[in-house]
Amino acid sequence: MRNRCPSCGHENDNGAVFCAQCGHELKAAPAGSASGEGRTGKEVKEAQDALVYSLIGIFCFGIFLGPFAITKGMKALNIIKDDPVRTGKGKAIAGMVIGIAGIVGWLAVLMFHLSR
């Protein structure tokens, strides 16, 4: 059985990971399906954790939760990089950015209060 590329239509060998014609990544077909269309990945839990930690950190304990958000976000991005079908990249990046903003915000407030 041949594996048809969803991008260019080239027929590739069944075990091919990338299309020999255009280089598009070929997905393994789900059971009962002739093509890889419809395959969705599970969201990475660490991405959700990063976002939650960062949002809570904005309001309280940001100096402590910000680093956790950044660490969880980086872990999520590494998991997604290793398995591109997994989802949650946007949440991971948002968690990291908000975590950094939370740390900076809490440090600014701390510096303000210490300078009085």
Protein backbone atom coordinates (compact mmCIF):
# COMPACT_ATOMS: atom_id res chain seq x y z
CA MET A 1 0.00 0.00 0.00
CA ARG A 2 1.27 3.46 -0.91
CA ASN A 3 0.98 6.59 1.23
CA ARG A 4 -0.29 9.66 -0.69
CA CYS A 5 1.10 13.07 0.32
CA PRO A 6 -1.71 15.43 1.42
CA SER A 7 0.30 18.40 0.13
CA CYS A 8 1.35 17.44 -3.40
CA GLY A 9 -0.38 14.09 -4.02
CA HIS A 10 2.86 12.16 -4.62
CA GLU A 11 2.60 8.46 -3.76
CA ASN A 12 5.28 7.49 -1.23
CA ASP A 13 6.30 4.16 0.25
CA ASN A 14 4.08 3.10 3.15
CA GLY A 15 6.82 3.58 5.79
CA ALA A 16 7.92 7.02 4.55
CA VAL A 17 7.98 9.79 7.15
CA PHE A 18 8.43 12.65 4.66
CA CYS A 19 7.22 13.04 1.09
CA ALA A 20 9.96 12.23 -1.44
CA GLN A 21 8.59 14.91 -3.79
CA CYS A 22 7.93 17.98 -1.59
CA GLY A 23 9.30 17.04 1.85
CA HIS A 24 5.92 17.40 3.62
CA GLU A 25 5.68 15.36 6.83
CA LEU A 26 3.52 12.29 6.33
CA LYS A 27 1.28 11.24 9.20
CA ALA A 28 0.53 7.63 10.01
CA ALA A 29 -3.01 6.79 8.99
CA PRO A 30 -5.45 6.14 11.85
CA ALA A 31 -7.05 2.71 12.02
CA GLY A 32 -9.70 2.30 9.33
CA SER A 33 -8.49 5.31 7.32
CA ALA A 34 -6.65 5.37 4.01
CA SER A 35 -4.84 8.64 4.73
CA GLY A 36 -3.37 10.55 7.66
CA GLU A 37 -6.06 13.22 7.55
CA GLY A 38 -7.98 13.73 10.76
CA ARG A 39 -5.10 12.79 13.07
CA THR A 40 -5.03 15.20 15.98
CA GLY A 41 -2.62 15.30 18.85
CA LYS A 42 -3.22 15.50 22.54
CA GLU A 43 -2.43 18.75 24.29
CA VAL A 44 0.72 18.76 26.39
CA LYS A 45 -0.23 19.06 30.07
CA GLU A 46 2.84 21.17 30.86
CA ALA A 47 1.58 23.87 28.46
CA GLN A 48 -1.64 24.24 30.42
CA ASP A 49 0.33 24.22 33.69
CA ALA A 50 2.62 26.99 32.43
CA LEU A 51 -0.34 29.19 31.55
CA VAL A 52 -2.10 28.58 34.87
CA TYR A 53 1.05 29.24 36.93
CA SER A 54 1.75 32.45 35.05
CA LEU A 55 -1.80 33.80 35.38
CA ILE A 56 -1.94 33.07 39.10
CA GLY A 57 1.55 34.56 39.42
CA ILE A 58 0.38 37.90 38.08
CA PHE A 59 -1.91 38.34 41.07
CA CYS A 60 0.01 36.58 43.83
CA PHE A 61 3.39 34.92 44.34
CA GLY A 62 4.60 35.96 40.87
CA ILE A 63 8.19 36.02 42.01
CA PHE A 64 7.85 32.29 42.81
CA LEU A 65 5.32 31.08 40.21
CA GLY A 66 6.96 32.91 37.28
CA PRO A 67 9.99 30.59 37.20
CA PHE A 68 7.69 27.56 37.43
CA ALA A 69 5.68 28.87 34.46
CA ILE A 70 8.85 29.41 32.42
CA THR A 71 10.19 25.94 33.26
CA LYS A 72 6.88 24.23 32.44
CA GLY A 73 6.60 26.19 29.19
CA MET A 74 10.10 25.18 28.10
CA LYS A 75 9.38 21.54 28.94
CA ALA A 76 6.15 21.69 26.92
CA LEU A 77 7.96 23.18 23.91
CA ASN A 78 10.56 20.40 24.07
CA ILE A 79 7.83 17.74 24.17
CA ILE A 80 6.09 19.37 21.18
CA LYS A 81 9.40 19.60 19.29
CA ASP A 82 9.96 15.87 19.80
CA ASP A 83 6.36 14.97 18.83
CA PRO A 84 4.97 17.65 16.44
CA VAL A 85 1.49 16.12 16.53
CA ARG A 86 1.11 17.23 20.17
CA THR A 87 -0.56 20.59 20.71
CA GLY A 88 -0.24 23.44 23.21
CA LYS A 89 2.61 25.48 21.76
CA GLY A 90 0.68 28.73 22.05
CA LYS A 91 -0.23 28.10 25.69
CA ALA A 92 3.38 27.21 26.48
CA ILE A 93 4.72 30.40 24.90
CA ALA A 94 2.00 32.52 26.51
CA GLY A 95 2.78 30.98 29.90
CA MET A 96 6.46 31.77 29.49
CA VAL A 97 5.88 35.36 28.39
CA ILE A 98 3.34 36.06 31.13
CA GLY A 99 5.64 34.35 33.65
CA ILE A 100 8.49 36.67 32.68
CA ALA A 101 6.17 39.69 32.84
CA GLY A 102 4.97 38.55 36.27
CA ILE A 103 8.52 38.29 37.59
CA VAL A 104 9.45 41.71 36.22
CA GLY A 105 6.25 43.24 37.60
CA TRP A 106 6.72 41.80 41.06
CA LEU A 107 10.39 42.87 41.10
CA ALA A 108 9.37 46.40 40.09
CA VAL A 109 6.82 46.55 42.91
CA LEU A 110 9.38 45.20 45.36
CA MET A 111 12.00 47.73 44.25
CA PHE A 112 9.46 50.55 44.53
CA HIS A 113 8.58 49.60 48.09
CA LEU A 114 12.22 49.15 49.09
CA SER A 115 13.21 52.53 47.70
CA ARG A 116 10.78 54.44 49.93
